[in-house]
């Protein structure tokens, strides 16, 4: 059971209360009979579990980007082609390397 300590007693016996808390005891500090603060050891504070895939569905990319295979492009060219695929734009280019990629080029 959690014990209730009044505000004045908590100020007077803070060192002892901290030692008790480190040992695992929990207590509540109250003022005029109203609970103000619950004191627990830091080890008792549980972090919420991390959820894997919590951003699933927020980001997407066209499947045509996956079919590029082993062909290498400069980073700017990849960004340009990806943006064109996402927005459905037609790229006009004389570069034969870019012309081999799927999509409206």
C-alpha atoms as a PDB file:
ATOM      1  CA  UNK A   1       0.000   0.000   0.000  1.00  0.00           C
ATOM      2  CA  UNK A   2       1.190   3.499  -0.799  1.00  0.00           C
ATOM      3  CA  UNK A   3       1.613   5.689   2.242  1.00  0.00           C
ATOM      4  CA  UNK A   4       0.517   9.321   2.335  1.00  0.00           C
ATOM      5  CA  UNK A   5       2.883  11.926   3.777  1.00  0.00           C
ATOM      6  CA  UNK A   6       1.844  15.506   4.462  1.00  0.00           C
ATOM      7  CA  UNK A   7       3.801  18.336   2.881  1.00  0.00           C
ATOM      8  CA  UNK A   8       5.482  19.504   6.107  1.00  0.00           C
ATOM      9  CA  UNK A   9       6.634  15.970   6.987  1.00  0.00           C
ATOM     10  CA  UNK A  10       8.006  15.512   3.452  1.00  0.00           C
ATOM     11  CA  UNK A  11      10.083  18.688   3.758  1.00  0.00           C
ATOM     12  CA  UNK A  12      11.351  17.704   7.196  1.00  0.00           C
ATOM     13  CA  UNK A  13      12.223  14.080   6.364  1.00  0.00           C
ATOM     14  CA  UNK A  14      13.146  14.342   2.706  1.00  0.00           C
ATOM     15  CA  UNK A  15      16.422  12.386   3.022  1.00  0.00           C
ATOM     16  CA  UNK A  16      14.730   9.442   4.743  1.00  0.00           C
ATOM     17  CA  UNK A  17      11.865   9.465   2.241  1.00  0.00           C
ATOM     18  CA  UNK A  18      14.307   9.438  -0.683  1.00  0.00           C
ATOM     19  CA  UNK A  19      16.176   6.489   0.849  1.00  0.00           C
ATOM     20  CA  UNK A  20      12.900   4.603   1.313  1.00  0.00           C
ATOM     21  CA  UNK A  21      11.933   5.372  -2.279  1.00  0.00           C
ATOM     22  CA  UNK A  22      15.258   4.045  -3.595  1.00  0.00           C
ATOM     23  CA  UNK A  23      14.525   0.809  -1.714  1.00  0.00           C
ATOM     24  CA  UNK A  24      11.274   0.510  -3.679  1.00  0.00           C
ATOM     25  CA  UNK A  25       8.702   2.152  -1.407  1.00  0.00           C
ATOM     26  CA  UNK A  26       6.226   4.525  -3.014  1.00  0.00           C
ATOM     27  CA  UNK A  27       4.511   7.415  -1.268  1.00  0.00           C
ATOM     28  CA  UNK A  28       2.209  10.330  -1.939  1.00  0.00           C
ATOM     29  CA  UNK A  29       2.811  13.879  -0.772  1.00  0.00           C
ATOM     30  CA  UNK A  30      -0.411  15.608   0.242  1.00  0.00           C
ATOM     31  CA  UNK A  31      -1.227  19.181   1.239  1.00  0.00           C
ATOM     32  CA  UNK A  32      -4.294  19.813   3.381  1.00  0.00           C
ATOM     33  CA  UNK A  33      -5.289  16.197   2.809  1.00  0.00           C
ATOM     34  CA  UNK A  34      -5.288  16.504  -0.995  1.00  0.00           C
ATOM     35  CA  UNK A  35      -2.766  14.336  -2.870  1.00  0.00           C
ATOM     36  CA  UNK A  36      -0.284  16.437  -4.839  1.00  0.00           C
ATOM     37  CA  UNK A  37       2.577  14.200  -5.947  1.00  0.00           C
ATOM     38  CA  UNK A  38       3.220  10.468  -6.190  1.00  0.00           C
ATOM     39  CA  UNK A  39       6.881   9.629  -5.578  1.00  0.00           C
ATOM     40  CA  UNK A  40       8.204   6.395  -7.104  1.00  0.00           C
ATOM     41  CA  UNK A  41      11.728   5.122  -7.781  1.00  0.00           C
ATOM     42  CA  UNK A  42      13.034   5.848 -11.281  1.00  0.00           C
ATOM     43  CA  UNK A  43      13.344   2.144 -12.035  1.00  0.00           C
ATOM     44  CA  UNK A  44       9.582   1.849 -11.536  1.00  0.00           C
ATOM     45  CA  UNK A  45       8.832   4.290 -14.343  1.00  0.00           C
ATOM     46  CA  UNK A  46       8.081   2.173 -17.369  1.00  0.00           C
ATOM     47  CA  UNK A  47       8.700   3.405 -20.861  1.00  0.00           C
ATOM     48  CA  UNK A  48       5.988   2.623 -23.369  1.00  0.00           C
ATOM     49  CA  UNK A  49       7.053  -0.161 -25.728  1.00  0.00           C
ATOM     50  CA  UNK A  50       8.328   0.942 -29.117  1.00  0.00           C
ATOM     51  CA  UNK A  51       5.967   0.052 -31.910  1.00  0.00           C
ATOM     52  CA  UNK A  52       7.587  -1.178 -35.069  1.00  0.00           C
ATOM     53  CA  UNK A  53       6.003   0.058 -38.250  1.00  0.00           C
ATOM     54  CA  UNK A  54       4.170   2.934 -36.592  1.00  0.00           C
ATOM     55  CA  UNK A  55       4.621   5.076 -39.728  1.00  0.00           C
ATOM     56  CA  UNK A  56       3.416   2.378 -42.105  1.00  0.00           C
ATOM     57  CA  UNK A  57       1.202   3.897 -44.758  1.00  0.00           C
ATOM     58  CA  UNK A  58       2.490   7.458 -44.330  1.00  0.00           C
ATOM     59  CA  UNK A  59       5.204   7.112 -46.975  1.00  0.00           C
ATOM     60  CA  UNK A  60       4.951   5.383 -50.311  1.00  0.00           C
ATOM     61  CA  UNK A  61       6.883   5.090 -53.519  1.00  0.00           C
ATOM     62  CA  UNK A  62       5.886   3.784 -56.913  1.00  0.00           C
ATOM     63  CA  UNK A  63       6.699   0.146 -57.587  1.00  0.00           C
ATOM     64  CA  UNK A  64       8.449   1.159 -60.794  1.00  0.00           C
ATOM     65  CA  UNK A  65      11.308   2.439 -58.617  1.00  0.00           C
ATOM     66  CA  UNK A  66      11.892  -1.123 -57.421  1.00  0.00           C
ATOM     67  CA  UNK A  67      12.393  -2.408 -60.986  1.00  0.00           C
ATOM     68  CA  UNK A  68      15.421  -0.240 -61.744  1.00  0.00           C
ATOM     69  CA  UNK A  69      17.763  -3.122 -60.964  1.00  0.00           C
ATOM     70  CA  UNK A  70      21.512  -2.654 -60.906  1.00  0.00           C
ATOM     71  CA  UNK A  71      21.644   0.421 -63.121  1.00  0.00           C
ATOM     72  CA  UNK A  72      23.497   3.333 -61.532  1.00  0.00           C
ATOM     73  CA  UNK A  73      22.507   6.977 -61.724  1.00  0.00           C
ATOM     74  CA  UNK A  74      23.672  10.167 -60.109  1.00  0.00           C
ATOM     75  CA  UNK A  75      21.598  11.096 -57.021  1.00  0.00           C
ATOM     76  CA  UNK A  76      20.018  14.117 -58.718  1.00  0.00           C
ATOM     77  CA  UNK A  77      18.923  11.956 -61.662  1.00  0.00           C
ATOM     78  CA  UNK A  78      17.294   9.429 -59.298  1.00  0.00           C
ATOM     79  CA  UNK A  79      15.429  12.213 -57.509  1.00  0.00           C
ATOM     80  CA  UNK A  80      14.314  13.689 -60.812  1.00  0.00           C
ATOM     81  CA  UNK A  81      13.017  10.341 -62.110  1.00  0.00           C
ATOM     82  CA  UNK A  82      11.307   9.488 -58.805  1.00  0.00           C
ATOM     83  CA  UNK A  83       9.548  12.878 -58.708  1.00  0.00           C
ATOM     84  CA  UNK A  84       8.410  12.469 -62.295  1.00  0.00           C
ATOM     85  CA  UNK A  85       7.048   8.972 -61.552  1.00  0.00           C
ATOM     86  CA  UNK A  86       5.225  10.114 -58.421  1.00  0.00           C
ATOM     87  CA  UNK A  87       3.628  13.109 -60.113  1.00  0.00           C
ATOM     88  CA  UNK A  88       3.026  11.348 -63.418  1.00  0.00           C
ATOM     89  CA  UNK A  89       5.158  13.850 -65.342  1.00  0.00           C
ATOM     90  CA  UNK A  90       6.816  13.226 -68.687  1.00  0.00           C
ATOM     91  CA  UNK A  91      10.606  13.675 -68.764  1.00  0.00           C
ATOM     92  CA  UNK A  92      12.127  14.754 -72.064  1.00  0.00           C
ATOM     93  CA  UNK A  93      15.803  13.841 -72.239  1.00  0.00           C
ATOM     94  CA  UNK A  94      18.520  13.030 -74.735  1.00  0.00           C
ATOM     95  CA  UNK A  95      20.396  11.022 -72.072  1.00  0.00           C
ATOM     96  CA  UNK A  96      20.224   7.366 -73.082  1.00  0.00           C
ATOM     97  CA  UNK A  97      20.975   6.194 -69.512  1.00  0.00           C
ATOM     98  CA  UNK A  98      17.863   7.857 -68.147  1.00  0.00           C
ATOM     99  CA  UNK A  99      15.775   6.785 -71.120  1.00  0.00           C
ATOM    100  CA  UNK A 100      16.171   3.085 -70.155  1.00  0.00           C
ATOM    101  CA  UNK A 101      14.241   3.511 -66.919  1.00  0.00           C
ATOM    102  CA  UNK A 102      10.543   2.642 -66.740  1.00  0.00           C
ATOM    103  CA  UNK A 103       8.009   5.389 -66.565  1.00  0.00           C
ATOM    104  CA  UNK A 104       6.978   8.342 -68.659  1.00  0.00           C
ATOM    105  CA  UNK A 105      10.432   9.299 -69.961  1.00  0.00           C
END
